[in-house]
C-alpha atoms as a PDB file:
ATOM      1  CA  MET A   1       3.076 -10.990   1.028  1.00  0.00           C
ATOM      2  CA  ASN A   2       1.271  -9.213   4.886  1.00  0.00           C
ATOM      3  CA  VAL A   3       3.571 -11.593   6.521  1.00  0.00           C
ATOM      4  CA  LEU A   4       6.485 -10.057   4.499  1.00  0.00           C
ATOM      5  CA  TRP A   5       5.705  -6.737   4.619  1.00  0.00           C
ATOM      6  CA  ASP A   6       5.093  -6.404   8.040  1.00  0.00           C
ATOM      7  CA  ALA A   7       8.058  -8.709   8.996  1.00  0.00           C
ATOM      8  CA  PRO A   8      11.466  -6.746  10.227  1.00  0.00           C
ATOM      9  CA  GLY A   9      13.743  -7.811   6.958  1.00  0.00           C
ATOM     10  CA  PRO A  10      13.846 -11.407   4.952  1.00  0.00           C
ATOM     11  CA  MET A  11      12.638 -14.382   6.070  1.00  0.00           C
ATOM     12  CA  THR A  12      13.239 -17.857   5.449  1.00  0.00           C
ATOM     13  CA  VAL A  13       9.600 -19.931   4.744  1.00  0.00           C
ATOM     14  CA  ARG A  14      10.215 -21.503   7.729  1.00  0.00           C
ATOM     15  CA  GLU A  15       9.876 -18.372   9.642  1.00  0.00           C
ATOM     16  CA  VAL A  16       6.925 -17.799   7.008  1.00  0.00           C
ATOM     17  CA  LEU A  17       5.092 -20.512   8.201  1.00  0.00           C
ATOM     18  CA  ALA A  18       5.734 -20.011  12.148  1.00  0.00           C
ATOM     19  CA  SER A  19       4.129 -16.530  11.185  1.00  0.00           C
ATOM     20  CA  LEU A  20       0.748 -17.990   9.137  1.00  0.00           C
ATOM     21  CA  ASP A  21       0.217 -21.283  11.759  1.00  0.00           C
ATOM     22  CA  THR A  22       0.323 -18.009  14.554  1.00  0.00           C
ATOM     23  CA  SER A  23      -2.146 -15.317  12.710  1.00  0.00           C
ATOM     24  CA  ASP A  24      -3.872 -17.632  11.078  1.00  0.00           C
ATOM     25  CA  GLY A  25      -6.255 -19.059  13.355  1.00  0.00           C
ATOM     26  CA  GLY A  26      -4.527 -22.418  13.625  1.00  0.00           C
ATOM     27  CA  ARG A  27      -4.787 -23.977  10.021  1.00  0.00           C
ATOM     28  CA  ASP A  28      -2.481 -26.220   8.932  1.00  0.00           C
ATOM     29  CA  LEU A  29      -0.346 -25.192   6.134  1.00  0.00           C
ATOM     30  CA  ALA A  30       2.700 -27.369   5.293  1.00  0.00           C
ATOM     31  CA  TYR A  31       6.076 -26.280   4.841  1.00  0.00           C
ATOM     32  CA  THR A  32       6.089 -27.157   0.817  1.00  0.00           C
ATOM     33  CA  THR A  33       2.560 -25.188   0.158  1.00  0.00           C
ATOM     34  CA  VAL A  34       4.582 -21.865   1.470  1.00  0.00           C
ATOM     35  CA  MET A  35       7.434 -23.071  -0.237  1.00  0.00           C
ATOM     36  CA  THR A  36       5.729 -23.371  -3.458  1.00  0.00           C
ATOM     37  CA  VAL A  37       3.863 -20.384  -3.560  1.00  0.00           C
ATOM     38  CA  LEU A  38       6.888 -18.095  -2.525  1.00  0.00           C
ATOM     39  CA  ASP A  39       8.542 -19.675  -5.640  1.00  0.00           C
ATOM     40  CA  ARG A  40       5.651 -18.766  -7.050  1.00  0.00           C
ATOM     41  CA  LEU A  41       5.469 -14.544  -6.090  1.00  0.00           C
ATOM     42  CA  GLY A  42       9.172 -14.837  -7.383  1.00  0.00           C
ATOM     43  CA  THR A  43       8.111 -16.068 -10.421  1.00  0.00           C
ATOM     44  CA  LYS A  44       6.124 -13.572 -10.364  1.00  0.00           C
ATOM     45  CA  GLU A  45       8.620 -10.823  -9.115  1.00  0.00           C
ATOM     46  CA  MET A  46       6.451 -10.634  -6.284  1.00  0.00           C
ATOM     47  CA  VAL A  47       9.492 -11.005  -3.676  1.00  0.00           C
ATOM     48  CA  GLN A  48      12.635 -10.941  -3.704  1.00  0.00           C
ATOM     49  CA  ARG A  49      15.029 -14.373  -2.188  1.00  0.00           C
ATOM     50  CA  GLU A  50      18.803 -14.329  -1.325  1.00  0.00           C
ATOM     51  CA  ARG A  51      20.741 -17.647  -0.699  1.00  0.00           C
ATOM     52  CA  ASP A  52      21.263 -17.956   3.450  1.00  0.00           C
ATOM     53  CA  GLY A  53      23.123 -21.417   3.860  1.00  0.00           C
ATOM     54  CA  ARG A  54      21.189 -23.390   2.363  1.00  0.00           C
ATOM     55  CA  ALA A  55      18.123 -21.487   2.067  1.00  0.00           C
ATOM     56  CA  PHE A  56      16.543 -18.764   1.076  1.00  0.00           C
ATOM     57  CA  ARG A  57      15.712 -15.437   2.767  1.00  0.00           C
ATOM     58  CA  TYR A  58      12.227 -13.906   1.266  1.00  0.00           C
ATOM     59  CA  SER A  59      11.522 -10.096   1.273  1.00  0.00           C
ATOM     60  CA  PRO A  60       8.937  -8.506  -0.864  1.00  0.00           C
ATOM     61  CA  ALA A  61       9.780  -6.915  -3.978  1.00  0.00           C
ATOM     62  CA  LEU A  62       7.028  -4.738  -3.769  1.00  0.00           C
ATOM     63  CA  THR A  63       5.503  -2.475  -1.334  1.00  0.00           C
ATOM     64  CA  ARG A  64       2.216  -2.535  -0.383  1.00  0.00           C
ATOM     65  CA  ASP A  65       1.184   0.329  -1.880  1.00  0.00           C
ATOM     66  CA  ALA A  66       2.863  -0.285  -4.855  1.00  0.00           C
ATOM     67  CA  ALA A  67       2.104  -4.321  -5.399  1.00  0.00           C
ATOM     68  CA  THR A  68      -2.008  -2.641  -4.338  1.00  0.00           C
ATOM     69  CA  SER A  69      -1.703  -0.024  -7.327  1.00  0.00           C
ATOM     70  CA  GLU A  70      -0.409  -3.059 -10.019  1.00  0.00           C
ATOM     71  CA  LEU A  71      -2.929  -4.947  -9.274  1.00  0.00           C
ATOM     72  CA  LEU A  72      -5.193  -1.925 -10.052  1.00  0.00           C
ATOM     73  CA  HIS A  73      -3.873  -1.502 -13.173  1.00  0.00           C
ATOM     74  CA  ASP A  74      -4.419  -4.884 -13.895  1.00  0.00           C
ATOM     75  CA  THR A  75      -8.058  -4.633 -13.422  1.00  0.00           C
ATOM     76  CA  LEU A  76      -8.513  -1.554 -15.402  1.00  0.00           C
ATOM     77  CA  ALA A  77      -6.278  -3.787 -18.690  1.00  0.00           C
ATOM     78  CA  GLN A  78      -8.906  -5.671 -17.777  1.00  0.00           C
ATOM     79  CA  ALA A  79     -11.670  -3.686 -18.298  1.00  0.00           C
ATOM     80  CA  GLY A  80     -11.726  -3.760 -21.618  1.00  0.00           C
ATOM     81  CA  GLY A  81     -11.740  -0.483 -23.209  1.00  0.00           C
ATOM     82  CA  ASP A  82     -13.855   1.840 -21.246  1.00  0.00           C
ATOM     83  CA  ARG A  83     -10.799   2.691 -18.774  1.00  0.00           C
ATOM     84  CA  THR A  84     -12.674   5.897 -17.661  1.00  0.00           C
ATOM     85  CA  ALA A  85     -15.807   4.505 -16.753  1.00  0.00           C
ATOM     86  CA  ALA A  86     -14.871   2.470 -14.233  1.00  0.00           C
ATOM     87  CA  LEU A  87     -12.164   4.392 -12.604  1.00  0.00           C
ATOM     88  CA  VAL A  88     -14.751   6.964 -11.830  1.00  0.00           C
ATOM     89  CA  HIS A  89     -17.285   4.534 -10.841  1.00  0.00           C
ATOM     90  CA  PHE A  90     -14.279   3.363  -8.212  1.00  0.00           C
ATOM     91  CA  ALA A  91     -14.102   7.355  -7.467  1.00  0.00           C
ATOM     92  CA  ARG A  92     -17.598   6.805  -7.083  1.00  0.00           C
ATOM     93  CA  THR A  93     -17.879   4.505  -4.262  1.00  0.00           C
ATOM     94  CA  VAL A  94     -14.761   5.718  -2.271  1.00  0.00           C
ATOM     95  CA  ASP A  95     -15.507   7.672   1.253  1.00  0.00           C
ATOM     96  CA  PRO A  96     -14.807  11.552   1.649  1.00  0.00           C
ATOM     97  CA  ASP A  97     -11.292  10.866   2.985  1.00  0.00           C
ATOM     98  CA  GLU A  98     -10.352   8.961   0.107  1.00  0.00           C
ATOM     99  CA  ALA A  99     -11.709  11.118  -2.548  1.00  0.00           C
ATOM    100  CA  ALA A 100      -9.786  14.386  -0.728  1.00  0.00           C
ATOM    101  CA  ALA A 101      -6.149  11.787  -0.540  1.00  0.00           C
ATOM    102  CA  LEU A 102      -7.403  11.350  -4.480  1.00  0.00           C
ATOM    103  CA  ARG A 103      -8.002  14.774  -5.397  1.00  0.00           C
ATOM    104  CA  ALA A 104      -4.658  15.745  -4.209  1.00  0.00           C
ATOM    105  CA  ALA A 105      -3.378  13.336  -5.797  1.00  0.00           C
ATOM    106  CA  LEU A 106      -4.386  14.078  -9.221  1.00  0.00           C
ATOM    107  CA  ASP A 107      -4.054  17.753  -8.453  1.00  0.00           C
ATOM    108  CA  GLU A 108      -0.149  17.151  -7.742  1.00  0.00           C
ATOM    109  CA  ILE A 109      -0.099  15.564 -11.573  1.00  0.00           C
ATOM    110  CA  ALA A 110      -1.595  18.290 -12.993  1.00  0.00           C
ATOM    111  CA  GLN A 111       0.963  20.566 -11.510  1.00  0.00           C
ATOM    112  CA  ARG A 112       3.857  18.715 -12.503  1.00  0.00           C
ATOM    113  CA  SER A 113       2.462  18.307 -16.078  1.00  0.00           C
ATOM    114  CA  ASP A 114       1.667  22.260 -16.489  1.00  0.00           C
ATOM    115  CA  PRO A 115       4.113  23.449 -18.401  1.00  0.00           C
END
């Protein structure tokens, strides 16, 4: 996903593979492996694909922030009945800058919900 998020536009499987080959420290990946991963990401609605001749071009369906948010929501859903405890624990682990950002976001939400 990082390759697609960092790309200036949609990429083919071959372009993603070439980018991975140059950025991953020399790990050899097969074209079919990258194609399978992109196909599975499409099934999960993480990427969009558009036909370009005989190939497809892939682009992120979500921003990096939106994808991270969905992962957090999924994790909280798996926390069971005590989502609040998980959120509080998480909040206690953030650094002061992150805490300030959380506080600002919560203040914004509170202002929107005030009549």
